[in-house]
Amino acid sequence: MPRFLVHIHTGPADPNKATLGCLVALTAARKGHEVTVFFAGDGVHLLAPDHAGLEGAGTGRLGDHLTGLAEAGARFRVSGMSAKARGYDDGLLEDHPAEFAMPEVLVDLAHAADTVLGY
């Protein structure tokens, strides 16, 4: 099964790009691909509950995409450094199939993936 890595570093300030990344990841997962979404930079904000209602123009609602990704078996990795710099702790991971990861994990995931997409 092909492996997809979707690296999302765009935050809620650009709802179209942020939700598009999640929509593409969800589409790959629903097609049966192994999907890992790596949230870094301002992208870590997307996992905060207060952004679940974020919606892009034609790209859907963030909360729906995150739920769909979890249901499809996608894994989330979250930059621990980005999260800490933005005031988040382990509570950010509670509602998601997520764990904190360092930059070397992103590099390893990219190396192992068949397809890498960035948003």
PDB file of N, CA and C in Angstrom:
ATOM      1  N   MET A   1       0.850  -1.163   0.000  1.00  0.00           N
ATOM      2  CA  MET A   1       0.000   0.000   0.000  1.00  0.00           C
ATOM      3  C   MET A   1       0.907   1.241   0.000  1.00  0.00           C
ATOM      4  N   PRO A   2       0.692   2.180  -0.910  1.00  0.00           N
ATOM      5  CA  PRO A   2       1.524   3.398  -0.949  1.00  0.00           C
ATOM      6  C   PRO A   2       1.398   4.218   0.329  1.00  0.00           C
ATOM      7  N   ARG A   3       2.522   4.818   0.714  1.00  0.00           N
ATOM      8  CA  ARG A   3       2.561   5.646   1.921  1.00  0.00           C
ATOM      9  C   ARG A   3       2.611   7.115   1.542  1.00  0.00           C
ATOM     10  N   PHE A   4       1.713   7.879   2.140  1.00  0.00           N
ATOM     11  CA  PHE A   4       1.650   9.318   1.932  1.00  0.00           C
ATOM     12  C   PHE A   4       2.066  10.026   3.212  1.00  0.00           C
ATOM     13  N   LEU A   5       2.883  11.053   3.062  1.00  0.00           N
ATOM     14  CA  LEU A   5       3.180  11.972   4.144  1.00  0.00           C
ATOM     15  C   LEU A   5       2.663  13.334   3.707  1.00  0.00           C
ATOM     16  N   VAL A   6       1.787  13.900   4.511  1.00  0.00           N
ATOM     17  CA  VAL A   6       1.272  15.246   4.243  1.00  0.00           C
ATOM     18  C   VAL A   6       1.774  16.136   5.370  1.00  0.00           C
ATOM     19  N   HIS A   7       2.622  17.084   5.002  1.00  0.00           N
ATOM     20  CA  HIS A   7       3.243  17.992   5.972  1.00  0.00           C
ATOM     21  C   HIS A   7       2.460  19.301   5.941  1.00  0.00           C
ATOM     22  N   ILE A   8       1.773  19.601   7.026  1.00  0.00           N
ATOM     23  CA  ILE A   8       0.960  20.815   7.093  1.00  0.00           C
ATOM     24  C   ILE A   8       1.612  21.790   8.060  1.00  0.00           C
ATOM     25  N   HIS A   9       2.063  22.908   7.517  1.00  0.00           N
ATOM     26  CA  HIS A   9       2.715  23.942   8.328  1.00  0.00           C
ATOM     27  C   HIS A   9       1.946  25.254   8.260  1.00  0.00           C
ATOM     28  N   THR A  10       0.821  25.239   7.555  1.00  0.00           N
ATOM     29  CA  THR A  10      -0.041  26.411   7.444  1.00  0.00           C
ATOM     30  C   THR A  10      -1.078  26.371   8.560  1.00  0.00           C
ATOM     31  N   GLY A  11      -1.299  27.497   9.180  1.00  0.00           N
ATOM     32  CA  GLY A  11      -2.243  27.556  10.289  1.00  0.00           C
ATOM     33  C   GLY A  11      -3.581  28.140   9.899  1.00  0.00           C
ATOM     34  N   PRO A  12      -4.395  28.468  10.889  1.00  0.00           N
ATOM     35  CA  PRO A  12      -5.751  28.958  10.666  1.00  0.00           C
ATOM     36  C   PRO A  12      -5.821  30.304   9.955  1.00  0.00           C
ATOM     37  N   ALA A  13      -4.720  31.022   9.864  1.00  0.00           N
ATOM     38  CA  ALA A  13      -4.738  32.300   9.146  1.00  0.00           C
ATOM     39  C   ALA A  13      -4.995  32.106   7.655  1.00  0.00           C
ATOM     40  N   ASP A  14      -4.743  30.919   7.133  1.00  0.00           N
ATOM     41  CA  ASP A  14      -5.005  30.599   5.721  1.00  0.00           C
ATOM     42  C   ASP A  14      -5.892  29.352   5.680  1.00  0.00           C
ATOM     43  N   PRO A  15      -7.200  29.530   5.945  1.00  0.00           N
ATOM     44  CA  PRO A  15      -8.084  28.373   6.057  1.00  0.00           C
ATOM     45  C   PRO A  15      -8.181  27.545   4.779  1.00  0.00           C
ATOM     46  N   ASN A  16      -8.042  28.169   3.625  1.00  0.00           N
ATOM     47  CA  ASN A  16      -8.128  27.400   2.384  1.00  0.00           C
ATOM     48  C   ASN A  16      -6.974  26.413   2.266  1.00  0.00           C
ATOM     49  N   LYS A  17      -5.770  26.878   2.495  1.00  0.00           N
ATOM     50  CA  LYS A  17      -4.597  26.017   2.372  1.00  0.00           C
ATOM     51  C   LYS A  17      -4.566  24.970   3.486  1.00  0.00           C
ATOM     52  N   ALA A  18      -4.896  25.368   4.692  1.00  0.00           N
ATOM     53  CA  ALA A  18      -4.872  24.435   5.823  1.00  0.00           C
ATOM     54  C   ALA A  18      -5.885  23.310   5.636  1.00  0.00           C
ATOM     55  N   THR A  19      -7.097  23.650   5.249  1.00  0.00           N
ATOM     56  CA  THR A  19      -8.115  22.609   5.069  1.00  0.00           C
ATOM     57  C   THR A  19      -7.867  21.797   3.808  1.00  0.00           C
ATOM     58  N   LEU A  20      -7.257  22.400   2.801  1.00  0.00           N
ATOM     59  CA  LEU A  20      -6.936  21.652   1.587  1.00  0.00           C
ATOM     60  C   LEU A  20      -5.950  20.529   1.907  1.00  0.00           C
ATOM     61  N   GLY A  21      -4.938  20.817   2.710  1.00  0.00           N
ATOM     62  CA  GLY A  21      -3.989  19.779   3.092  1.00  0.00           C
ATOM     63  C   GLY A  21      -4.673  18.616   3.784  1.00  0.00           C
ATOM     64  N   CYS A  22      -5.591  18.931   4.677  1.00  0.00           N
ATOM     65  CA  CYS A  22      -6.317  17.874   5.394  1.00  0.00           C
ATOM     66  C   CYS A  22      -7.260  17.120   4.455  1.00  0.00           C
ATOM     67  N   LEU A  23      -7.879  17.824   3.524  1.00  0.00           N
ATOM     68  CA  LEU A  23      -8.771  17.178   2.563  1.00  0.00           C
ATOM     69  C   LEU A  23      -7.998  16.216   1.669  1.00  0.00           C
ATOM     70  N   VAL A  24      -6.841  16.619   1.201  1.00  0.00           N
ATOM     71  CA  VAL A  24      -6.026  15.750   0.351  1.00  0.00           C
ATOM     72  C   VAL A  24      -5.574  14.520   1.141  1.00  0.00           C
ATOM     73  N   ALA A  25      -5.153  14.727   2.378  1.00  0.00           N
ATOM     74  CA  ALA A  25      -4.752  13.597   3.223  1.00  0.00           C
ATOM     75  C   ALA A  25      -5.929  12.642   3.425  1.00  0.00           C
ATOM     76  N   LEU A  26      -7.103  13.185   3.681  1.00  0.00           N
ATOM     77  CA  LEU A  26      -8.292  12.360   3.878  1.00  0.00           C
ATOM     78  C   LEU A  26      -8.634  11.590   2.609  1.00  0.00           C
ATOM     79  N   THR A  27      -8.515  12.233   1.481  1.00  0.00           N
ATOM     80  CA  THR A  27      -8.793  11.568   0.206  1.00  0.00           C
ATOM     81  C   THR A  27      -7.861  10.377   0.010  1.00  0.00           C
ATOM     82  N   ALA A  28      -6.573  10.563   0.289  1.00  0.00           N
ATOM     83  CA  ALA A  28      -5.608   9.464   0.166  1.00  0.00           C
ATOM     84  C   ALA A  28      -5.960   8.333   1.132  1.00  0.00           C
ATOM     85  N   ALA A  29      -6.322   8.675   2.365  1.00  0.00           N
ATOM     86  CA  ALA A  29      -6.663   7.650   3.360  1.00  0.00           C
ATOM     87  C   ALA A  29      -7.902   6.873   2.926  1.00  0.00           C
ATOM     88  N   ARG A  30      -8.881   7.562   2.402  1.00  0.00           N
ATOM     89  CA  ARG A  30     -10.112   6.887   1.971  1.00  0.00           C
ATOM     90  C   ARG A  30      -9.880   6.001   0.753  1.00  0.00           C
ATOM     91  N   LYS A  31      -8.833   6.281   0.000  1.00  0.00           N
ATOM     92  CA  LYS A  31      -8.477   5.427  -1.137  1.00  0.00           C
ATOM     93  C   LYS A  31      -7.661   4.217  -0.694  1.00  0.00           C
ATOM     94  N   GLY A  32      -7.415   4.100   0.598  1.00  0.00           N
ATOM     95  CA  GLY A  32      -6.732   2.948   1.139  1.00  0.00           C
ATOM     96  C   GLY A  32      -5.237   3.109   1.325  1.00  0.00           C
ATOM     97  N   HIS A  33      -4.712   4.310   1.122  1.00  0.00           N
ATOM     98  CA  HIS A  33      -3.285   4.543   1.309  1.00  0.00           C
ATOM     99  C   HIS A  33      -2.961   4.716   2.791  1.00  0.00           C
ATOM    100  N   GLU A  34      -1.744   4.407   3.152  1.00  0.00           N
ATOM    101  CA  GLU A  34      -1.260   4.659   4.504  1.00  0.00           C
ATOM    102  C   GLU A  34      -0.903   6.140   4.578  1.00  0.00           C
ATOM    103  N   VAL A  35      -1.505   6.866   5.514  1.00  0.00           N
ATOM    104  CA  VAL A  35      -1.335   8.316   5.576  1.00  0.00           C
ATOM    105  C   VAL A  35      -0.833   8.743   6.945  1.00  0.00           C
ATOM    106  N   THR A  36       0.209   9.574   6.930  1.00  0.00           N
ATOM    107  CA  THR A  36       0.667  10.258   8.125  1.00  0.00           C
ATOM    108  C   THR A  36       0.595  11.744   7.837  1.00  0.00           C
ATOM    109  N   VAL A  37       0.005  12.489   8.750  1.00  0.00           N
ATOM    110  CA  VAL A  37      -0.041  13.943   8.638  1.00  0.00           C
ATOM    111  C   VAL A  37       0.886  14.495   9.712  1.00  0.00           C
ATOM    112  N   PHE A  38       1.842  15.315   9.279  1.00  0.00           N
ATOM    113  CA  PHE A  38       2.792  15.926  10.203  1.00  0.00           C
ATOM    114  C   PHE A  38       2.450  17.405  10.303  1.00  0.00           C
ATOM    115  N   PHE A  39       2.017  17.835  11.491  1.00  0.00           N
ATOM    116  CA  PHE A  39       1.662  19.224  11.734  1.00  0.00           C
ATOM    117  C   PHE A  39       2.868  19.931  12.361  1.00  0.00           C
ATOM    118  N   ALA A  40       3.286  21.030  11.750  1.00  0.00           N
ATOM    119  CA  ALA A  40       4.428  21.787  12.261  1.00  0.00           C
ATOM    120  C   ALA A  40       4.160  23.276  12.077  1.00  0.00           C
ATOM    121  N   GLY A  41       5.016  24.094  12.663  1.00  0.00           N
ATOM    122  CA  GLY A  41       4.837  25.545  12.548  1.00  0.00           C
ATOM    123  C   GLY A  41       3.445  25.930  13.014  1.00  0.00           C
ATOM    124  N   ASP A  42       2.826  26.875  12.308  1.00  0.00           N
ATOM    125  CA  ASP A  42       1.478  27.307  12.674  1.00  0.00           C
ATOM    126  C   ASP A  42       0.432  26.223  12.446  1.00  0.00           C
ATOM    127  N   GLY A  43       0.801  25.164  11.735  1.00  0.00           N
ATOM    128  CA  GLY A  43      -0.118  24.047  11.525  1.00  0.00           C
ATOM    129  C   GLY A  43      -0.525  23.346  12.810  1.00  0.00           C
ATOM    130  N   VAL A  44       0.271  23.454  13.874  1.00  0.00           N
ATOM    131  CA  VAL A  44      -0.100  22.809  15.130  1.00  0.00           C
ATOM    132  C   VAL A  44      -1.390  23.397  15.700  1.00  0.00           C
ATOM    133  N   HIS A  45      -1.672  24.651  15.374  1.00  0.00           N
ATOM    134  CA  HIS A  45      -2.920  25.273  15.847  1.00  0.00           C
ATOM    135  C   HIS A  45      -4.150  24.512  15.352  1.00  0.00           C
ATOM    136  N   LEU A  46      -4.036  23.818  14.233  1.00  0.00           N
ATOM    137  CA  LEU A  46      -5.188  23.145  13.643  1.00  0.00           C
ATOM    138  C   LEU A  46      -5.749  22.042  14.528  1.00  0.00           C
ATOM    139  N   LEU A  47      -4.950  21.515  15.430  1.00  0.00           N
ATOM    140  CA  LEU A  47      -5.424  20.460  16.319  1.00  0.00           C
ATOM    141  C   LEU A  47      -6.106  20.993  17.570  1.00  0.00           C
ATOM    142  N   ALA A  48      -6.045  22.285  17.789  1.00  0.00           N
ATOM    143  CA  ALA A  48      -6.709  22.886  18.950  1.00  0.00           C
ATOM    144  C   ALA A  48      -8.224  22.871  18.727  1.00  0.00           C
ATOM    145  N   PRO A  49      -8.990  22.495  19.756  1.00  0.00           N
ATOM    146  CA  PRO A  49     -10.445  22.379  19.603  1.00  0.00           C
ATOM    147  C   PRO A  49     -11.124  23.645  19.083  1.00  0.00           C
ATOM    148  N   ASP A  50     -10.588  24.812  19.409  1.00  0.00           N
ATOM    149  CA  ASP A  50     -11.253  26.042  18.978  1.00  0.00           C
ATOM    150  C   ASP A  50     -11.124  26.299  17.475  1.00  0.00           C
ATOM    151  N   HIS A  51     -10.366  25.466  16.757  1.00  0.00           N
ATOM    152  CA  HIS A  51     -10.240  25.639  15.306  1.00  0.00           C
ATOM    153  C   HIS A  51     -10.997  24.569  14.518  1.00  0.00           C
ATOM    154  N   ALA A  52     -11.723  23.689  15.186  1.00  0.00           N
ATOM    155  CA  ALA A  52     -12.441  22.608  14.507  1.00  0.00           C
ATOM    156  C   ALA A  52     -13.449  23.143  13.494  1.00  0.00           C
ATOM    157  N   GLY A  53     -13.992  24.319  13.731  1.00  0.00           N
ATOM    158  CA  GLY A  53     -14.970  24.904  12.824  1.00  0.00           C
ATOM    159  C   GLY A  53     -14.370  25.632  11.639  1.00  0.00           C
ATOM    160  N   LEU A  54     -13.050  25.683  11.569  1.00  0.00           N
ATOM    161  CA  LEU A  54     -12.376  26.352  10.459  1.00  0.00           C
ATOM    162  C   LEU A  54     -12.815  25.726   9.139  1.00  0.00           C
ATOM    163  N   GLU A  55     -13.154  26.572   8.180  1.00  0.00           N
ATOM    164  CA  GLU A  55     -13.639  26.060   6.903  1.00  0.00           C
ATOM    165  C   GLU A  55     -13.023  26.844   5.761  1.00  0.00           C
ATOM    166  N   GLY A  56     -12.570  26.121   4.762  1.00  0.00           N
ATOM    167  CA  GLY A  56     -12.018  26.744   3.577  1.00  0.00           C
ATOM    168  C   GLY A  56     -13.084  26.882   2.511  1.00  0.00           C
ATOM    169  N   ALA A  57     -12.829  27.738   1.537  1.00  0.00           N
ATOM    170  CA  ALA A  57     -13.756  27.931   0.415  1.00  0.00           C
ATOM    171  C   ALA A  57     -13.600  26.750  -0.544  1.00  0.00           C
ATOM    172  N   GLY A  58     -14.536  25.838  -0.494  1.00  0.00           N
ATOM    173  CA  GLY A  58     -14.494  24.673  -1.361  1.00  0.00           C
ATOM    174  C   GLY A  58     -13.588  23.560  -0.866  1.00  0.00           C
ATOM    175  N   THR A  59     -13.011  23.724   0.315  1.00  0.00           N
ATOM    176  CA  THR A  59     -12.095  22.711   0.830  1.00  0.00           C
ATOM    177  C   THR A  59     -12.612  22.047   2.103  1.00  0.00           C
ATOM    178  N   GLY A  60     -13.798  22.411   2.531  1.00  0.00           N
ATOM    179  CA  GLY A  60     -14.441  21.734   3.645  1.00  0.00           C
ATOM    180  C   GLY A  60     -14.074  22.247   5.022  1.00  0.00           C
ATOM    181  N   ARG A  61     -14.664  21.568   6.008  1.00  0.00           N
ATOM    182  CA  ARG A  61     -14.528  21.931   7.414  1.00  0.00           C
ATOM    183  C   ARG A  61     -13.418  21.109   8.055  1.00  0.00           C
ATOM    184  N   LEU A  62     -12.519  21.778   8.729  1.00  0.00           N
ATOM    185  CA  LEU A  62     -11.359  21.142   9.349  1.00  0.00           C
ATOM    186  C   LEU A  62     -11.750  20.003  10.289  1.00  0.00           C
ATOM    187  N   GLY A  63     -12.698  20.250  11.181  1.00  0.00           N
ATOM    188  CA  GLY A  63     -13.093  19.223  12.141  1.00  0.00           C
ATOM    189  C   GLY A  63     -13.565  17.946  11.474  1.00  0.00           C
ATOM    190  N   ASP A  64     -14.306  18.082  10.370  1.00  0.00           N
ATOM    191  CA  ASP A  64     -14.771  16.905   9.626  1.00  0.00           C
ATOM    192  C   ASP A  64     -13.592  16.133   9.041  1.00  0.00           C
ATOM    193  N   HIS A  65     -12.618  16.866   8.510  1.00  0.00           N
ATOM    194  CA  HIS A  65     -11.446  16.211   7.924  1.00  0.00           C
ATOM    195  C   HIS A  65     -10.636  15.474   8.986  1.00  0.00           C
ATOM    196  N   LEU A  66     -10.427  16.103  10.138  1.00  0.00           N
ATOM    197  CA  LEU A  66      -9.643  15.464  11.199  1.00  0.00           C
ATOM    198  C   LEU A  66     -10.339  14.210  11.718  1.00  0.00           C
ATOM    199  N   THR A  67     -11.649  14.283  11.880  1.00  0.00           N
ATOM    200  CA  THR A  67     -12.410  13.113  12.315  1.00  0.00           C
ATOM    201  C   THR A  67     -12.323  12.007  11.271  1.00  0.00           C
ATOM    202  N   GLY A  68     -12.494  12.370  10.016  1.00  0.00           N
ATOM    203  CA  GLY A  68     -12.411  11.388   8.935  1.00  0.00           C
ATOM    204  C   GLY A  68     -11.043  10.743   8.852  1.00  0.00           C
ATOM    205  N   LEU A  69     -10.002  11.532   9.040  1.00  0.00           N
ATOM    206  CA  LEU A  69      -8.645  10.988   9.020  1.00  0.00           C
ATOM    207  C   LEU A  69      -8.448   9.972  10.143  1.00  0.00           C
ATOM    208  N   ALA A  70      -8.913  10.313  11.332  1.00  0.00           N
ATOM    209  CA  ALA A  70      -8.797   9.390  12.467  1.00  0.00           C
ATOM    210  C   ALA A  70      -9.563   8.101  12.189  1.00  0.00           C
ATOM    211  N   GLU A  71     -10.769   8.229  11.674  1.00  0.00           N
ATOM    212  CA  GLU A  71     -11.594   7.056  11.378  1.00  0.00           C
ATOM    213  C   GLU A  71     -10.980   6.186  10.287  1.00  0.00           C
ATOM    214  N   ALA A  72     -10.240   6.805   9.361  1.00  0.00           N
ATOM    215  CA  ALA A  72      -9.611   6.069   8.260  1.00  0.00           C
ATOM    216  C   ALA A  72      -8.263   5.469   8.663  1.00  0.00           C
ATOM    217  N   GLY A  73      -7.837   5.706   9.892  1.00  0.00           N
ATOM    218  CA  GLY A  73      -6.602   5.116  10.373  1.00  0.00           C
ATOM    219  C   GLY A  73      -5.350   5.930  10.126  1.00  0.00           C
ATOM    220  N   ALA A  74      -5.502   7.183   9.740  1.00  0.00           N
ATOM    221  CA  ALA A  74      -4.324   8.042   9.549  1.00  0.00           C
ATOM    222  C   ALA A  74      -3.664   8.316  10.889  1.00  0.00           C
ATOM    223  N   ARG A  75      -2.365   8.552  10.840  1.00  0.00           N
ATOM    224  CA  ARG A  75      -1.615   8.886  12.049  1.00  0.00           C
ATOM    225  C   ARG A  75      -1.210  10.349  11.980  1.00  0.00           C
ATOM    226  N   PHE A  76      -1.237  11.014  13.115  1.00  0.00           N
ATOM    227  CA  PHE A  76      -0.818  12.413  13.202  1.00  0.00           C
ATOM    228  C   PHE A  76       0.483  12.486  13.987  1.00  0.00           C
ATOM    229  N   ARG A  77       1.418  13.251  13.463  1.00  0.00           N
ATOM    230  CA  ARG A  77       2.633  13.591  14.192  1.00  0.00           C
ATOM    231  C   ARG A  77       2.634  15.107  14.321  1.00  0.00           C
ATOM    232  N   VAL A  78       3.031  15.584  15.475  1.00  0.00           N
ATOM    233  CA  VAL A  78       2.967  17.011  15.770  1.00  0.00           C
ATOM    234  C   VAL A  78       4.341  17.466  16.227  1.00  0.00           C
ATOM    235  N   SER A  79       4.842  18.510  15.613  1.00  0.00           N
ATOM    236  CA  SER A  79       6.140  19.035  16.017  1.00  0.00           C
ATOM    237  C   SER A  79       6.063  19.478  17.470  1.00  0.00           C
ATOM    238  N   GLY A  80       6.823  18.810  18.311  1.00  0.00           N
ATOM    239  CA  GLY A  80       6.846  19.172  19.716  1.00  0.00           C
ATOM    240  C   GLY A  80       7.423  20.562  19.938  1.00  0.00           C
ATOM    241  N   MET A  81       8.430  20.924  19.145  1.00  0.00           N
ATOM    242  CA  MET A  81       9.036  22.251  19.277  1.00  0.00           C
ATOM    243  C   MET A  81       8.045  23.341  18.851  1.00  0.00           C
ATOM    244  N   SER A  82       7.320  23.106  17.746  1.00  0.00           N
ATOM    245  CA  SER A  82       6.336  24.094  17.289  1.00  0.00           C
ATOM    246  C   SER A  82       5.213  24.248  18.301  1.00  0.00           C
ATOM    247  N   ALA A  83       4.756  23.124  18.833  1.00  0.00           N
ATOM    248  CA  ALA A  83       3.669  23.168  19.817  1.00  0.00           C
ATOM    249  C   ALA A  83       4.096  23.932  21.069  1.00  0.00           C
ATOM    250  N   LYS A  84       5.261  23.601  21.587  1.00  0.00           N
ATOM    251  CA  LYS A  84       5.744  24.255  22.802  1.00  0.00           C
ATOM    252  C   LYS A  84       5.919  25.759  22.579  1.00  0.00           C
ATOM    253  N   ALA A  85       6.455  26.136  21.426  1.00  0.00           N
ATOM    254  CA  ALA A  85       6.669  27.549  21.122  1.00  0.00           C
ATOM    255  C   ALA A  85       5.356  28.321  21.021  1.00  0.00           C
ATOM    256  N   ARG A  86       4.256  27.605  20.771  1.00  0.00           N
ATOM    257  CA  ARG A  86       2.943  28.244  20.635  1.00  0.00           C
ATOM    258  C   ARG A  86       2.061  28.018  21.853  1.00  0.00           C
ATOM    259  N   GLY A  87       2.662  27.521  22.941  1.00  0.00           N
ATOM    260  CA  GLY A  87       1.958  27.408  24.215  1.00  0.00           C
ATOM    261  C   GLY A  87       1.131  26.162  24.410  1.00  0.00           C
ATOM    262  N   TYR A  88       1.331  25.123  23.606  1.00  0.00           N
ATOM    263  CA  TYR A  88       0.558  23.888  23.750  1.00  0.00           C
ATOM    264  C   TYR A  88       1.330  22.861  24.563  1.00  0.00           C
ATOM    265  N   ASP A  89       0.558  21.986  25.227  1.00  0.00           N
ATOM    266  CA  ASP A  89       1.127  20.861  25.961  1.00  0.00           C
ATOM    267  C   ASP A  89       0.467  19.581  25.458  1.00  0.00           C
ATOM    268  N   ASP A  90       0.556  18.505  26.223  1.00  0.00           N
ATOM    269  CA  ASP A  90      -0.008  17.215  25.814  1.00  0.00           C
ATOM    270  C   ASP A  90      -1.512  17.268  25.554  1.00  0.00           C
ATOM    271  N   GLY A  91      -2.190  18.230  26.115  1.00  0.00           N
ATOM    272  CA  GLY A  91      -3.627  18.371  25.902  1.00  0.00           C
ATOM    273  C   GLY A  91      -3.988  18.547  24.430  1.00  0.00           C
ATOM    274  N   LEU A  92      -3.072  19.054  23.645  1.00  0.00           N
ATOM    275  CA  LEU A  92      -3.310  19.240  22.209  1.00  0.00           C
ATOM    276  C   LEU A  92      -3.551  17.909  21.506  1.00  0.00           C
ATOM    277  N   LEU A  93      -2.994  16.843  22.037  1.00  0.00           N
ATOM    278  CA  LEU A  93      -3.063  15.539  21.386  1.00  0.00           C
ATOM    279  C   LEU A  93      -4.283  14.715  21.789  1.00  0.00           C
ATOM    280  N   GLU A  94      -4.972  15.115  22.831  1.00  0.00           N
ATOM    281  CA  GLU A  94      -5.998  14.284  23.462  1.00  0.00           C
ATOM    282  C   GLU A  94      -7.079  13.758  22.530  1.00  0.00           C
ATOM    283  N   ASP A  95      -7.563  14.548  21.622  1.00  0.00           N
ATOM    284  CA  ASP A  95      -8.692  14.137  20.787  1.00  0.00           C
ATOM    285  C   ASP A  95      -8.283  13.605  19.425  1.00  0.00           C
ATOM    286  N   HIS A  96      -7.007  13.293  19.260  1.00  0.00           N
ATOM    287  CA  HIS A  96      -6.498  12.904  17.945  1.00  0.00           C
ATOM    288  C   HIS A  96      -5.566  11.695  18.060  1.00  0.00           C
ATOM    289  N   PRO A  97      -5.423  10.934  16.969  1.00  0.00           N
ATOM    290  CA  PRO A  97      -4.452   9.830  16.968  1.00  0.00           C
ATOM    291  C   PRO A  97      -3.057  10.422  16.738  1.00  0.00           C
ATOM    292  N   ALA A  98      -2.571  11.147  17.727  1.00  0.00           N
ATOM    293  CA  ALA A  98      -1.382  11.985  17.536  1.00  0.00           C
ATOM    294  C   ALA A  98      -0.326  11.735  18.599  1.00  0.00           C
ATOM    295  N   GLU A  99       0.901  12.048  18.207  1.00  0.00           N
ATOM    296  CA  GLU A  99       2.001  12.062  19.161  1.00  0.00           C
ATOM    297  C   GLU A  99       2.989  13.133  18.728  1.00  0.00           C
ATOM    298  N   PHE A 100       3.709  13.643  19.710  1.00  0.00           N
ATOM    299  CA  PHE A 100       4.729  14.642  19.404  1.00  0.00           C
ATOM    300  C   PHE A 100       5.911  13.972  18.720  1.00  0.00           C
ATOM    301  N   ALA A 101       6.546  14.719  17.835  1.00  0.00           N
ATOM    302  CA  ALA A 101       7.710  14.217  17.112  1.00  0.00           C
ATOM    303  C   ALA A 101       8.676  15.363  16.858  1.00  0.00           C
ATOM    304  N   MET A 102       9.918  15.005  16.722  1.00  0.00           N
ATOM    305  CA  MET A 102      10.978  15.979  16.462  1.00  0.00           C
ATOM    306  C   MET A 102      11.297  16.009  14.962  1.00  0.00           C
ATOM    307  N   PRO A 103      12.096  16.972  14.518  1.00  0.00           N
ATOM    308  CA  PRO A 103      12.390  17.099  13.084  1.00  0.00           C
ATOM    309  C   PRO A 103      12.956  15.835  12.446  1.00  0.00           C
ATOM    310  N   GLU A 104      13.739  15.057  13.181  1.00  0.00           N
ATOM    311  CA  GLU A 104      14.298  13.849  12.577  1.00  0.00           C
ATOM    312  C   GLU A 104      13.214  12.846  12.201  1.00  0.00           C
ATOM    313  N   VAL A 105      12.095  12.869  12.917  1.00  0.00           N
ATOM    314  CA  VAL A 105      10.969  11.994  12.566  1.00  0.00           C
ATOM    315  C   VAL A 105      10.368  12.441  11.243  1.00  0.00           C
ATOM    316  N   LEU A 106      10.239  13.742  11.047  1.00  0.00           N
ATOM    317  CA  LEU A 106       9.741  14.251   9.769  1.00  0.00           C
ATOM    318  C   LEU A 106      10.653  13.804   8.624  1.00  0.00           C
ATOM    319  N   VAL A 107      11.938  13.908   8.834  1.00  0.00           N
ATOM    320  CA  VAL A 107      12.899  13.484   7.805  1.00  0.00           C
ATOM    321  C   VAL A 107      12.754  11.993   7.534  1.00  0.00           C
ATOM    322  N   ASP A 108      12.658  11.191   8.577  1.00  0.00           N
ATOM    323  CA  ASP A 108      12.506   9.743   8.403  1.00  0.00           C
ATOM    324  C   ASP A 108      11.201   9.395   7.691  1.00  0.00           C
ATOM    325  N   LEU A 109      10.122  10.075   8.059  1.00  0.00           N
ATOM    326  CA  LEU A 109       8.838   9.831   7.399  1.00  0.00           C
ATOM    327  C   LEU A 109       8.893  10.205   5.921  1.00  0.00           C
ATOM    328  N   ALA A 110       9.533  11.314   5.620  1.00  0.00           N
ATOM    329  CA  ALA A 110       9.660  11.737   4.221  1.00  0.00           C
ATOM    330  C   ALA A 110      10.495  10.733   3.432  1.00  0.00           C
ATOM    331  N   HIS A 111      11.536  10.248   4.032  1.00  0.00           N
ATOM    332  CA  HIS A 111      12.400   9.275   3.360  1.00  0.00           C
ATOM    333  C   HIS A 111      11.648   7.973   3.069  1.00  0.00           C
ATOM    334  N   ALA A 112      10.793   7.570   3.982  1.00  0.00           N
ATOM    335  CA  ALA A 112      10.069   6.297   3.843  1.00  0.00           C
ATOM    336  C   ALA A 112       8.813   6.407   2.992  1.00  0.00           C
ATOM    337  N   ALA A 113       8.320   7.617   2.767  1.00  0.00           N
ATOM    338  CA  ALA A 113       7.054   7.802   2.042  1.00  0.00           C
ATOM    339  C   ALA A 113       7.243   7.614   0.540  1.00  0.00           C
ATOM    340  N   ASP A 114       6.178   7.169  -0.094  1.00  0.00           N
ATOM    341  CA  ASP A 114       6.145   7.103  -1.552  1.00  0.00           C
ATOM    342  C   ASP A 114       5.804   8.469  -2.139  1.00  0.00           C
ATOM    343  N   THR A 115       4.993   9.220  -1.394  1.00  0.00           N
ATOM    344  CA  THR A 115       4.558  10.544  -1.831  1.00  0.00           C
ATOM    345  C   THR A 115       4.598  11.484  -0.639  1.00  0.00           C
ATOM    346  N   VAL A 116       5.183  12.681  -0.835  1.00  0.00           N
ATOM    347  CA  VAL A 116       5.234  13.705   0.189  1.00  0.00           C
ATOM    348  C   VAL A 116       4.578  14.962  -0.369  1.00  0.00           C
ATOM    349  N   LEU A 117       3.617  15.494   0.373  1.00  0.00           N
ATOM    350  CA  LEU A 117       2.918  16.713  -0.028  1.00  0.00           C
ATOM    351  C   LEU A 117       3.041  17.728   1.096  1.00  0.00           C
ATOM    352  N   GLY A 118       3.160  18.989   0.754  1.00  0.00           N
ATOM    353  CA  GLY A 118       3.283  20.030   1.762  1.00  0.00           C
ATOM    354  C   GLY A 118       2.253  21.125   1.580  1.00  0.00           C
ATOM    355  N   TYR A 119       1.675  21.544   2.690  1.00  0.00           N
ATOM    356  CA  TYR A 119       0.675  22.604   2.686  1.00  0.00           C
ATOM    357  C   TYR A 119       0.952  23.579   3.810  1.00  0.00           C
TER     358      TYR A 119
END
